[in-house]
Structure formats: C-alpha cells, structure tokens
C-alpha cells in the first residue's frame, strides 16, 4: 500500500522527528493500513491495539518559545526540530481569497497592525487597541506586510505567511511533518484544497495527503454532506487519500445527533479519528467518548468494522506559562495573577477583553462548573489517544519519564528515537514563575 509520506511535526503530539538525519525515513502507512501497534504510543491510525497511553501529542499553532512567533516559518522549523510530530495550523480566509496563518479572529495580538496603521497597538491583557478582523482585511497590500509578534509582544522580522507559503517552506527545508489544518472559517476549506493540490513535500508526497482536514462536525454532519462537496469529489476522482477529522463540541448536542454523526463517520475510510471536546466527566459528549472507548475494548457495536478507534482533545495549560510579564510586555492596568492556576483553572486570552479563567467561560459545557481540559491527568484517565497543546515539549519529557511515550514505534525501522540533543535544545521553555523570582 502507498506510504503516506515522511511526516513529522503537526498538531497532534505523536509522529516522528524532524532532523535531516531522519529525512529519508518513511512512517507507517498510518491512515489507511490495517496495523496493530504493540507499543505504548502510536501514530494516529484507523486500527489500533490500545495500551492505555497517549498516542500522539500535537503542537498548537507551532513553536512560539524564546522569541519565535507562532504560525511563522521559523516556528514550524523549530517545532519540527524539537521532535514534535504534528502541528496544528490555523487558517483564515482573507477578503481577497488568500489563506493567512493567523490564530485569532483579529490581527492585533499576533501582528504589528497598530504600529503600521498609526493606531493604538492591541494589548491582549486589556483587550484594547486596534484589532481588525482577518476576514475583512485584504492580504495583498495589507496583511502580507504585517510583521509577526512573539509571545512577549515583540515585533519580529518575519511577515504573515499563507498556508501555501508554509507548505512550500516545508518542501524546501526537507522537513518531515504532518499538519493538522484548523480552519477558522468554513469558507477557507475548499480554497485550501485547491491551493495545496499541486504542492508536495520534499519526498514528492502530495500536500493534501499529509495535511489533515480537521473540520467542525456541525459544518458537515454526515458523510453524505461531506462527500458531496466539489473538492472532496475531486480528491476521490484524483486518487488523493484525504485524511479527515470531525470536531465535536458540547454545543453540537443541542443542534444535531452527534452519536449518529460519529457512527456514520466511523464507517468511512477517509476519517482517521475524532476530536471530542469533553469538558467534564458526564458532560455533553461523554457518550461519544464512551463509544470510542468501547470500540477500543472490542465490545462496542461495529468494533470489527469501524475504520478508526481513537479520539483527541485540546489540553489547555493557560496562556501565562511562557515568559510573559511586565519585563516583556506592557500589561497596562492588567495585573498578572499571583497564582497562574485558580482551583486548577487557567487563564486564556479573550479577544477584545482581558484574560479569563477557562472555568468562567465554560458555561453549560461542564456539569460541575470546571473545565477539566486544564488537567492533563484527567485527559489521560479519560482515554484520549492524542492531545493538542501549547506545551508538547513539557509533556513529551513527562510521558517519557513515565514510560508512556515510546517514539520507536513512530519510525519505520522501529529502532531509533529522535535526536535527543535537538529535543533538549535552545528552545527549552522557561515559565513565567521562573522569571519573576
């Protein structure tokens, strides 16, 4: 069967390594082969012998440590160099049809749009300042000239790239990497497919085979809706082996039958896993995670015919863990909390508002008032196979120490793990608490 590609750093935390030393290695045909994995950690595959450990770790928005701006070309290289297997890639659609790599709805936090337009710079600690929306802005002549900011708010030399720019950079550098495309706009999905259609990595593998299409389940609730899309029809006709992940959010249970949706996608050969954003035990979507767990145990309906038996979730370590303090960023009248965790809840940025504890914005998505996605131990105990996080480097070390992250099974030769010298290099994270002492 055709190998999918040499991959490496994407939004899920478990695939390969990105050193040129391993550039010639081929991963398992992870999306379509009927493979049983006997190790503690596995690539995101459709048929898995589950051993109870985390399978993959994905980097959210790519490496943004020590002055590296998120979603920059440099951040992708550094993330791959760090040995992270998969990178979540944030994608918007600009008003003129380009696909700029920006996480937020607005341009303020991540670029120098305020300085370049002569308006007040946006401050993520107060939610004040110029923050024009990406979708209402033109890439040509405007966004393309904006410089990216790092985690401390400092303006870097690199300007905002587009999705094709990043893919071309991956090709030119020879990186082995998997991207998980996190679409912020539904209208950006089809343009992304066509703009990637003629692009490859250095090994010649089509980009549309190592870029995972992670789409909100509410956009396409059934396989029939998804398969009717013109770009999906083109992929099928062209022999492109699409990799698709539906994302289920708690609010979805109000609007459609999420279990029927999951069951239907379980039978498709292009759906490789499901992201199930369960906020608390017995909360909305608990039944979906229970369904996946039953499949893994072999007791669930359709266990012998389901095309995947894995699920993933976002782990939130909070936004104030990187070196952000008044030494690095003008926090204005916002006072950094003395304790970065309150009742095990963490602070996250809010666009056009001050940072908030995630418990305060969870609403009816949790049954006990707490968003448990800030608790990595809970994520492990709930049975998730892959995790999206801003801190995969930290958890890579912790899981290895526990014997729960064995990358030998990520490599085709099954022998060597990624270069540990790279895995403990310059980018090592320093926490805000270390800088304030």
Protein backbone atom coordinates (compact mmCIF):
# COMPACT_ATOMS: atom_id res chain seq x y z
CA UNK A 1 0.00 0.00 0.00
CA UNK A 2 1.21 3.50 -0.81
CA UNK A 3 3.10 5.12 2.09
CA UNK A 4 1.55 8.46 3.02
CA UNK A 5 4.74 10.47 3.43
CA UNK A 6 7.60 11.15 5.73
CA UNK A 7 5.94 13.26 8.38
CA UNK A 8 6.81 14.95 11.44
CA UNK A 9 5.60 17.94 13.30
CA UNK A 10 1.95 18.75 13.41
CA UNK A 11 -0.86 19.45 15.62
CA UNK A 12 -1.13 16.07 17.28
CA UNK A 13 1.75 15.18 19.51
CA UNK A 14 2.88 11.77 18.19
CA UNK A 15 4.52 11.01 14.83
CA UNK A 16 8.15 11.40 14.00
CA UNK A 17 11.22 13.60 14.27
CA UNK A 18 12.30 16.40 12.04
CA UNK A 19 16.04 16.25 11.98
CA UNK A 20 17.59 15.93 8.49
CA UNK A 21 19.09 12.73 9.88
CA UNK A 22 15.67 11.17 9.58
CA UNK A 23 14.55 12.86 6.41
CA UNK A 24 14.70 9.64 4.40
CA UNK A 25 12.63 7.63 6.83
CA UNK A 26 9.16 6.57 5.87
CA UNK A 27 6.45 6.36 8.51
CA UNK A 28 3.89 3.64 8.59
CA UNK A 29 1.00 3.95 6.17
CA UNK A 30 -0.73 5.32 9.18
CA UNK A 31 -4.07 6.49 7.88
CA UNK A 32 -5.13 3.57 5.73
CA UNK A 33 -3.25 0.44 6.71
CA UNK A 34 -4.73 -2.21 8.97
CA UNK A 35 -1.92 -2.08 11.53
CA UNK A 36 -1.75 -3.30 15.09
CA UNK A 37 0.61 -1.32 17.30
CA UNK A 38 2.02 -3.06 20.34
CA UNK A 39 3.90 -0.08 21.81
CA UNK A 40 2.82 2.43 24.39
CA UNK A 41 2.28 5.21 21.89
CA UNK A 42 1.04 5.05 18.34
CA UNK A 43 0.57 7.16 15.29
CA UNK A 44 -3.00 8.24 14.75
CA UNK A 45 -4.22 5.22 12.83
CA UNK A 46 -7.50 3.64 12.00
CA UNK A 47 -6.94 0.27 13.69
CA UNK A 48 -5.01 0.34 16.94
CA UNK A 49 -4.14 -2.10 19.68
CA UNK A 50 -4.64 0.30 22.56
CA UNK A 51 -2.31 0.02 25.55
CA UNK A 52 -3.72 2.84 27.63
CA UNK A 53 -1.13 5.51 26.93
CA UNK A 54 -1.16 8.76 24.97
CA UNK A 55 -0.57 8.04 21.31
CA UNK A 56 0.16 11.47 19.91
CA UNK A 57 0.99 14.97 21.01
CA UNK A 58 0.23 17.87 18.70
CA UNK A 59 1.70 21.33 18.84
CA UNK A 60 -0.95 24.02 18.81
CA UNK A 61 -0.07 26.95 16.49
CA UNK A 62 3.55 25.72 16.25
CA UNK A 63 6.51 26.56 18.47
CA UNK A 64 6.34 30.06 19.94
CA UNK A 65 9.10 29.93 22.51
CA UNK A 66 12.02 32.25 23.27
CA UNK A 67 11.15 34.89 20.73
CA UNK A 68 9.72 32.67 18.00
CA UNK A 69 6.39 33.98 16.70
CA UNK A 70 3.54 31.49 16.41
CA UNK A 71 2.49 30.42 12.92
CA UNK A 72 5.77 31.69 11.46
CA UNK A 73 8.04 29.76 9.12
CA UNK A 74 10.68 29.72 11.81
CA UNK A 75 8.25 28.29 14.34
CA UNK A 76 7.45 25.36 12.06
CA UNK A 77 11.12 24.58 11.62
CA UNK A 78 11.81 24.87 15.35
CA UNK A 79 8.82 22.70 16.24
CA UNK A 80 9.93 20.00 13.82
CA UNK A 81 13.50 20.28 15.10
CA UNK A 82 12.18 19.74 18.62
CA UNK A 83 10.82 16.34 17.61
CA UNK A 84 7.11 17.21 17.80
CA UNK A 85 5.24 15.03 15.35
CA UNK A 86 2.33 17.17 14.29
CA UNK A 87 1.49 20.88 14.11
CA UNK A 88 -1.95 22.41 14.25
CA UNK A 89 -2.16 25.03 11.55
CA UNK A 90 -4.52 27.99 11.96
CA UNK A 91 -6.17 29.15 8.75
CA UNK A 92 -8.40 32.12 7.91
CA UNK A 93 -9.71 33.36 4.58
CA UNK A 94 -8.86 36.99 3.78
CA UNK A 95 -11.24 39.27 1.89
CA UNK A 96 -9.26 38.71 -1.33
CA UNK A 97 -9.16 34.90 -1.12
CA UNK A 98 -5.78 34.24 0.49
CA UNK A 99 -5.20 31.89 3.44
CA UNK A 100 -3.18 33.82 6.06
CA UNK A 101 -1.81 31.86 9.00
CA UNK A 102 -3.36 33.66 11.96
CA UNK A 103 -4.88 32.08 15.08
CA UNK A 104 -7.17 34.86 16.28
CA UNK A 105 -10.17 36.37 14.53
CA UNK A 106 -8.33 39.70 14.61
CA UNK A 107 -4.83 40.75 13.61
CA UNK A 108 -3.98 42.73 16.75
CA UNK A 109 -2.34 40.25 19.12
CA UNK A 110 -0.15 38.49 16.58
CA UNK A 111 1.00 41.35 14.31
CA UNK A 112 2.15 44.98 14.35
CA UNK A 113 -1.02 46.16 12.60
CA UNK A 114 -1.45 49.01 15.10
CA UNK A 115 2.02 50.42 14.58
CA UNK A 116 1.81 50.13 10.81
CA UNK A 117 -1.52 51.94 10.61
CA UNK A 118 -0.74 54.60 13.19
CA UNK A 119 -3.40 53.31 15.59
CA UNK A 120 -3.12 52.08 19.19
CA UNK A 121 -1.39 48.70 19.35
CA UNK A 122 -3.67 45.92 20.57
CA UNK A 123 -2.94 44.72 24.11
CA UNK A 124 -4.11 41.16 24.90
CA UNK A 125 -4.07 41.91 28.64
CA UNK A 126 -6.63 44.69 28.36
CA UNK A 127 -8.40 43.73 25.14
CA UNK A 128 -7.95 47.29 23.93
CA UNK A 129 -6.32 48.62 20.78
CA UNK A 130 -6.63 48.16 17.02
CA UNK A 131 -7.71 44.61 16.16
CA UNK A 132 -9.17 44.46 12.62
CA UNK A 133 -10.65 41.13 11.55
CA UNK A 134 -8.70 38.89 9.21
CA UNK A 135 -11.74 38.07 7.09
CA UNK A 136 -12.46 41.74 6.36
CA UNK A 137 -8.84 42.55 5.51
CA UNK A 138 -7.01 42.16 2.21
CA UNK A 139 -3.88 40.03 2.20
CA UNK A 140 -2.31 41.69 -0.82
CA UNK A 141 -1.10 45.14 0.06
CA UNK A 142 -2.03 44.87 3.75
CA UNK A 143 -1.74 41.62 5.74
CA UNK A 144 1.26 40.50 3.69
CA UNK A 145 3.26 43.47 5.01
CA UNK A 146 2.43 42.95 8.70
CA UNK A 147 5.18 41.63 10.95
CA UNK A 148 4.53 38.88 13.48
CA UNK A 149 4.86 39.29 17.25
CA UNK A 150 6.40 36.75 19.60
CA UNK A 151 4.92 35.56 22.90
CA UNK A 152 6.22 38.67 24.66
CA UNK A 153 4.64 41.07 22.19
CA UNK A 154 7.92 41.93 20.46
CA UNK A 155 7.78 42.53 16.71
CA UNK A 156 9.84 40.09 14.64
CA UNK A 157 11.24 40.40 11.11
CA UNK A 158 9.02 37.69 9.62
CA UNK A 159 5.73 38.69 8.00
CA UNK A 160 2.43 36.78 7.95
CA UNK A 161 2.71 33.65 5.77
CA UNK A 162 -0.09 31.90 3.90
CA UNK A 163 -0.83 28.18 4.02
CA UNK A 164 0.85 27.58 0.63
CA UNK A 165 3.87 29.57 1.88
CA UNK A 166 4.26 27.24 4.86
CA UNK A 167 3.84 24.12 2.72
CA UNK A 168 6.43 25.40 0.26
CA UNK A 169 8.77 26.12 3.18
CA UNK A 170 8.32 22.53 4.37
CA UNK A 171 9.19 21.33 0.87
CA UNK A 172 12.30 23.49 0.59
CA UNK A 173 13.64 22.62 4.05
CA UNK A 174 13.04 18.90 3.64
CA UNK A 175 11.02 18.69 6.84
CA UNK A 176 9.08 15.51 7.54
CA UNK A 177 5.90 16.84 9.08
CA UNK A 178 2.16 16.41 9.32
CA UNK A 179 -0.07 19.46 9.50
CA UNK A 180 -3.49 19.44 11.09
CA UNK A 181 -5.43 22.17 9.33
CA UNK A 182 -7.57 24.00 11.87
CA UNK A 183 -9.94 26.09 9.79
CA UNK A 184 -11.24 29.21 11.50
CA UNK A 185 -13.55 29.95 8.55
CA UNK A 186 -15.72 27.35 6.81
CA UNK A 187 -15.27 29.26 3.57
CA UNK A 188 -11.50 28.66 3.75
CA UNK A 189 -11.74 24.87 3.42
CA UNK A 190 -12.28 24.48 -0.33
CA UNK A 191 -9.73 27.18 -1.33
CA UNK A 192 -7.17 25.38 0.84
CA UNK A 193 -7.65 22.14 -1.07
CA UNK A 194 -7.21 23.76 -4.48
CA UNK A 195 -4.24 25.85 -3.37
CA UNK A 196 -2.49 22.75 -1.98
CA UNK A 197 -3.38 20.43 -4.84
CA UNK A 198 -0.13 20.87 -6.78
CA UNK A 199 2.17 21.17 -3.76
CA UNK A 200 4.22 18.37 -2.17
CA UNK A 201 6.83 17.79 0.49
CA UNK A 202 10.47 17.13 -0.41
CA UNK A 203 9.72 13.43 -0.93
CA UNK A 204 7.08 14.28 -3.53
CA UNK A 205 4.08 13.30 -1.42
CA UNK A 206 1.03 15.49 -2.22
CA UNK A 207 0.31 18.07 0.46
CA UNK A 208 -3.35 17.06 0.56
CA UNK A 209 -2.25 13.66 1.89
CA UNK A 210 -0.15 14.90 4.82
CA UNK A 211 -2.35 17.88 5.66
CA UNK A 212 -5.20 16.62 7.84
CA UNK A 213 -8.54 18.35 7.27
CA UNK A 214 -9.87 18.99 10.77
CA UNK A 215 -13.36 20.45 10.33
CA UNK A 216 -16.17 21.35 12.70
CA UNK A 217 -18.66 18.48 12.76
CA UNK A 218 -21.55 20.93 12.64
CA UNK A 219 -20.39 22.08 9.17
CA UNK A 220 -20.77 18.62 7.67
CA UNK A 221 -22.83 16.45 9.98
CA UNK A 222 -22.94 13.33 7.80
CA UNK A 223 -20.60 11.61 5.34
CA UNK A 224 -23.14 12.34 2.61
CA UNK A 225 -22.83 16.09 3.18
CA UNK A 226 -19.04 15.91 3.25
CA UNK A 227 -18.69 13.64 0.23
CA UNK A 228 -20.96 15.85 -1.89
CA UNK A 229 -18.52 18.77 -1.72
CA UNK A 230 -16.88 19.51 -5.10
CA UNK A 231 -13.34 19.47 -3.69
CA UNK A 232 -13.93 16.14 -1.94
CA UNK A 233 -15.31 14.71 -5.18
CA UNK A 234 -12.17 15.92 -6.94
CA UNK A 235 -9.97 14.26 -4.32
CA UNK A 236 -11.76 10.95 -4.76
CA UNK A 237 -11.55 11.18 -8.56
CA UNK A 238 -7.86 12.13 -8.42
CA UNK A 239 -6.89 9.32 -6.06
CA UNK A 240 -5.95 11.73 -3.27
CA UNK A 241 -6.04 9.92 0.08
CA UNK A 242 -7.75 12.54 2.21
CA UNK A 243 -7.35 12.47 5.99
CA UNK A 244 -10.38 13.91 7.80
CA UNK A 245 -11.14 14.58 11.47
CA UNK A 246 -14.57 15.85 12.60
CA UNK A 247 -14.52 18.09 15.68
CA UNK A 248 -17.41 17.67 18.12
CA UNK A 249 -18.11 20.50 20.59
CA UNK A 250 -20.57 20.42 23.52
CA UNK A 251 -22.99 22.85 21.84
CA UNK A 252 -23.36 20.40 18.95
CA UNK A 253 -25.55 18.15 21.06
CA UNK A 254 -28.20 20.87 21.03
CA UNK A 255 -28.30 21.08 17.25
CA UNK A 256 -27.88 17.57 15.84
CA UNK A 257 -27.49 13.89 16.70
CA UNK A 258 -23.77 13.72 17.42
CA UNK A 259 -23.80 9.96 18.06
CA UNK A 260 -25.41 9.24 14.70
CA UNK A 261 -22.85 11.51 13.09
CA UNK A 262 -19.90 9.78 14.77
CA UNK A 263 -21.25 6.32 13.94
CA UNK A 264 -21.57 7.27 10.29
CA UNK A 265 -18.02 8.64 10.02
CA UNK A 266 -16.68 5.54 11.80
CA UNK A 267 -17.51 3.60 8.65
CA UNK A 268 -15.64 5.85 6.20
CA UNK A 269 -12.10 5.13 5.04
CA UNK A 270 -11.06 8.79 4.97
CA UNK A 271 -11.96 9.64 8.59
CA UNK A 272 -8.89 8.92 10.70
CA UNK A 273 -10.09 9.95 14.16
CA UNK A 274 -12.48 12.28 16.00
CA UNK A 275 -11.79 15.29 18.19
CA UNK A 276 -14.23 15.12 21.10
CA UNK A 277 -14.12 18.25 23.27
CA UNK A 278 -15.49 16.82 26.51
CA UNK A 279 -15.22 19.47 29.24
CA UNK A 280 -16.08 17.38 32.31
CA UNK A 281 -16.98 13.85 33.40
CA UNK A 282 -20.57 13.03 32.38
CA UNK A 283 -20.76 16.30 30.48
CA UNK A 284 -22.02 16.81 26.93
CA UNK A 285 -20.23 14.42 24.51
CA UNK A 286 -19.46 11.85 27.23
CA UNK A 287 -21.43 9.28 25.23
CA UNK A 288 -19.18 9.85 22.20
CA UNK A 289 -16.01 9.25 24.19
CA UNK A 290 -17.61 6.17 25.77
CA UNK A 291 -18.35 4.93 22.25
CA UNK A 292 -14.68 5.23 21.26
CA UNK A 293 -13.57 3.50 24.46
CA UNK A 294 -15.96 0.62 23.80
CA UNK A 295 -14.55 0.21 20.29
CA UNK A 296 -11.02 0.06 21.68
CA UNK A 297 -12.03 -2.64 24.15
CA UNK A 298 -13.60 -4.66 21.33
CA UNK A 299 -17.01 -4.63 22.98
CA UNK A 300 -18.65 -1.79 21.10
CA UNK A 301 -21.05 -2.15 18.21
CA UNK A 302 -19.09 -2.23 14.97
CA UNK A 303 -15.73 -2.82 16.68
CA UNK A 304 -14.67 -5.15 13.87
CA UNK A 305 -15.74 -2.82 11.06
CA UNK A 306 -15.01 0.69 12.36
CA UNK A 307 -12.26 2.45 10.43
CA UNK A 308 -10.83 4.20 13.50
CA UNK A 309 -10.91 3.73 17.25
CA UNK A 310 -9.19 6.87 18.51
CA UNK A 311 -10.09 10.31 19.80
CA UNK A 312 -8.30 13.53 20.65
CA UNK A 313 -8.83 16.66 22.72
CA UNK A 314 -7.31 20.07 23.42
CA UNK A 315 -5.27 20.43 26.62
CA UNK A 316 -5.19 23.99 27.94
CA UNK A 317 -2.11 24.84 30.01
CA UNK A 318 -3.14 28.51 30.01
CA UNK A 319 -1.67 31.49 28.18
CA UNK A 320 0.51 32.81 31.01
CA UNK A 321 3.03 29.97 31.19
CA UNK A 322 5.54 31.37 28.71
CA UNK A 323 7.81 34.29 29.72
CA UNK A 324 5.14 36.94 29.82
CA UNK A 325 5.48 39.59 32.49
CA UNK A 326 5.86 43.33 32.75
CA UNK A 327 9.51 42.76 31.84
CA UNK A 328 8.48 41.59 28.39
CA UNK A 329 5.07 43.09 27.72
CA UNK A 330 3.26 46.26 28.73
CA UNK A 331 0.38 44.81 30.71
CA UNK A 332 -1.09 48.30 31.25
CA UNK A 333 -3.69 48.24 34.03
CA UNK A 334 -3.97 44.46 33.97
CA UNK A 335 -2.30 42.82 36.97
CA UNK A 336 -0.80 39.41 36.30
CA UNK A 337 -2.28 36.93 38.78
CA UNK A 338 -0.01 35.79 41.58
CA UNK A 339 -1.24 32.24 41.01
CA UNK A 340 -1.44 31.14 37.38
CA UNK A 341 -3.96 28.46 38.38
CA UNK A 342 -7.09 29.06 40.44
CA UNK A 343 -8.82 25.87 41.60
CA UNK A 344 -6.88 24.15 38.80
CA UNK A 345 -8.34 26.52 36.21
CA UNK A 346 -6.07 28.54 33.92
CA UNK A 347 -6.16 31.94 32.23
CA UNK A 348 -6.69 32.21 28.48
CA UNK A 349 -6.74 35.22 26.17
CA UNK A 350 -10.09 36.65 25.13
CA UNK A 351 -10.27 38.81 22.03
CA UNK A 352 -11.13 42.41 22.89
CA UNK A 353 -11.26 41.57 26.61
CA UNK A 354 -8.89 40.74 29.45
CA UNK A 355 -7.73 37.12 30.01
CA UNK A 356 -10.27 34.93 31.78
CA UNK A 357 -10.21 31.65 33.66
CA UNK A 358 -11.49 28.92 31.38
CA UNK A 359 -13.93 27.81 34.09
CA UNK A 360 -15.67 31.18 33.80
CA UNK A 361 -16.30 30.76 30.08
CA UNK A 362 -17.23 27.05 30.10
CA UNK A 363 -20.92 27.70 30.74
CA UNK A 364 -23.21 24.70 30.22
CA UNK A 365 -20.43 22.71 28.58
CA UNK A 366 -19.46 21.35 32.02
CA UNK A 367 -21.68 19.71 34.63
CA UNK A 368 -19.57 20.67 37.66
CA UNK A 369 -18.50 24.21 36.78
CA UNK A 370 -14.94 23.16 35.96
CA UNK A 371 -13.33 22.78 32.53
CA UNK A 372 -11.22 19.68 33.10
CA UNK A 373 -9.24 20.19 29.91
CA UNK A 374 -6.65 22.05 32.02
CA UNK A 375 -5.93 18.77 33.83
CA UNK A 376 -3.65 16.50 31.80
CA UNK A 377 -4.11 13.61 34.23
CA UNK A 378 -7.85 13.74 33.64
CA UNK A 379 -7.30 13.66 29.88
CA UNK A 380 -5.13 10.56 30.27
CA UNK A 381 -7.64 8.82 32.54
CA UNK A 382 -10.50 9.61 30.14
CA UNK A 383 -8.77 7.58 27.45
CA UNK A 384 -7.79 10.10 24.80
CA UNK A 385 -5.22 8.95 22.26
CA UNK A 386 -3.86 12.28 21.06
CA UNK A 387 -3.63 15.72 22.60
CA UNK A 388 -3.35 19.23 21.18
CA UNK A 389 -1.36 21.55 23.42
CA UNK A 390 0.95 24.55 23.53
CA UNK A 391 3.36 22.60 25.74
CA UNK A 392 4.14 19.30 23.98
CA UNK A 393 7.82 19.62 24.85
CA UNK A 394 6.99 19.58 28.55
CA UNK A 395 4.63 16.62 28.29
CA UNK A 396 6.96 14.73 25.99
CA UNK A 397 9.52 14.72 28.81
CA UNK A 398 6.97 13.81 31.48
CA UNK A 399 5.42 10.97 29.50
CA UNK A 400 8.81 9.55 28.59
CA UNK A 401 9.75 9.56 32.27
CA UNK A 402 6.59 7.53 32.93
CA UNK A 403 7.37 5.12 30.09
CA UNK A 404 4.28 6.28 28.20
CA UNK A 405 5.85 7.90 25.18
CA UNK A 406 7.93 5.50 23.13
CA UNK A 407 8.73 7.02 19.75
CA UNK A 408 10.44 3.89 18.47
CA UNK A 409 7.06 2.82 17.18
CA UNK A 410 6.75 6.07 15.23
CA UNK A 411 9.63 5.20 12.92
CA UNK A 412 9.53 2.73 10.07
CA UNK A 413 12.71 0.95 11.16
CA UNK A 414 11.43 0.65 14.72
CA UNK A 415 14.90 1.27 16.15
CA UNK A 416 15.90 4.82 16.90
CA UNK A 417 14.12 7.69 18.55
CA UNK A 418 14.56 11.35 17.54
CA UNK A 419 17.86 13.05 18.27
CA UNK A 420 17.73 13.87 21.97
CA UNK A 421 20.25 16.68 21.56
CA UNK A 422 17.69 18.50 19.47
CA UNK A 423 14.93 17.54 21.87
CA UNK A 424 16.60 19.46 24.70
CA UNK A 425 17.99 22.41 22.80
CA UNK A 426 17.80 26.18 22.89
CA UNK A 427 14.02 26.37 22.74
CA UNK A 428 13.54 24.81 26.17
CA UNK A 429 10.65 26.60 27.81
CA UNK A 430 11.05 28.87 30.79
CA UNK A 431 7.94 29.53 32.81
CA UNK A 432 6.80 32.96 33.91
CA UNK A 433 7.20 31.99 37.54
CA UNK A 434 10.92 31.34 36.92
CA UNK A 435 11.38 34.84 35.56
CA UNK A 436 9.55 36.57 38.38
CA UNK A 437 11.65 35.11 41.19
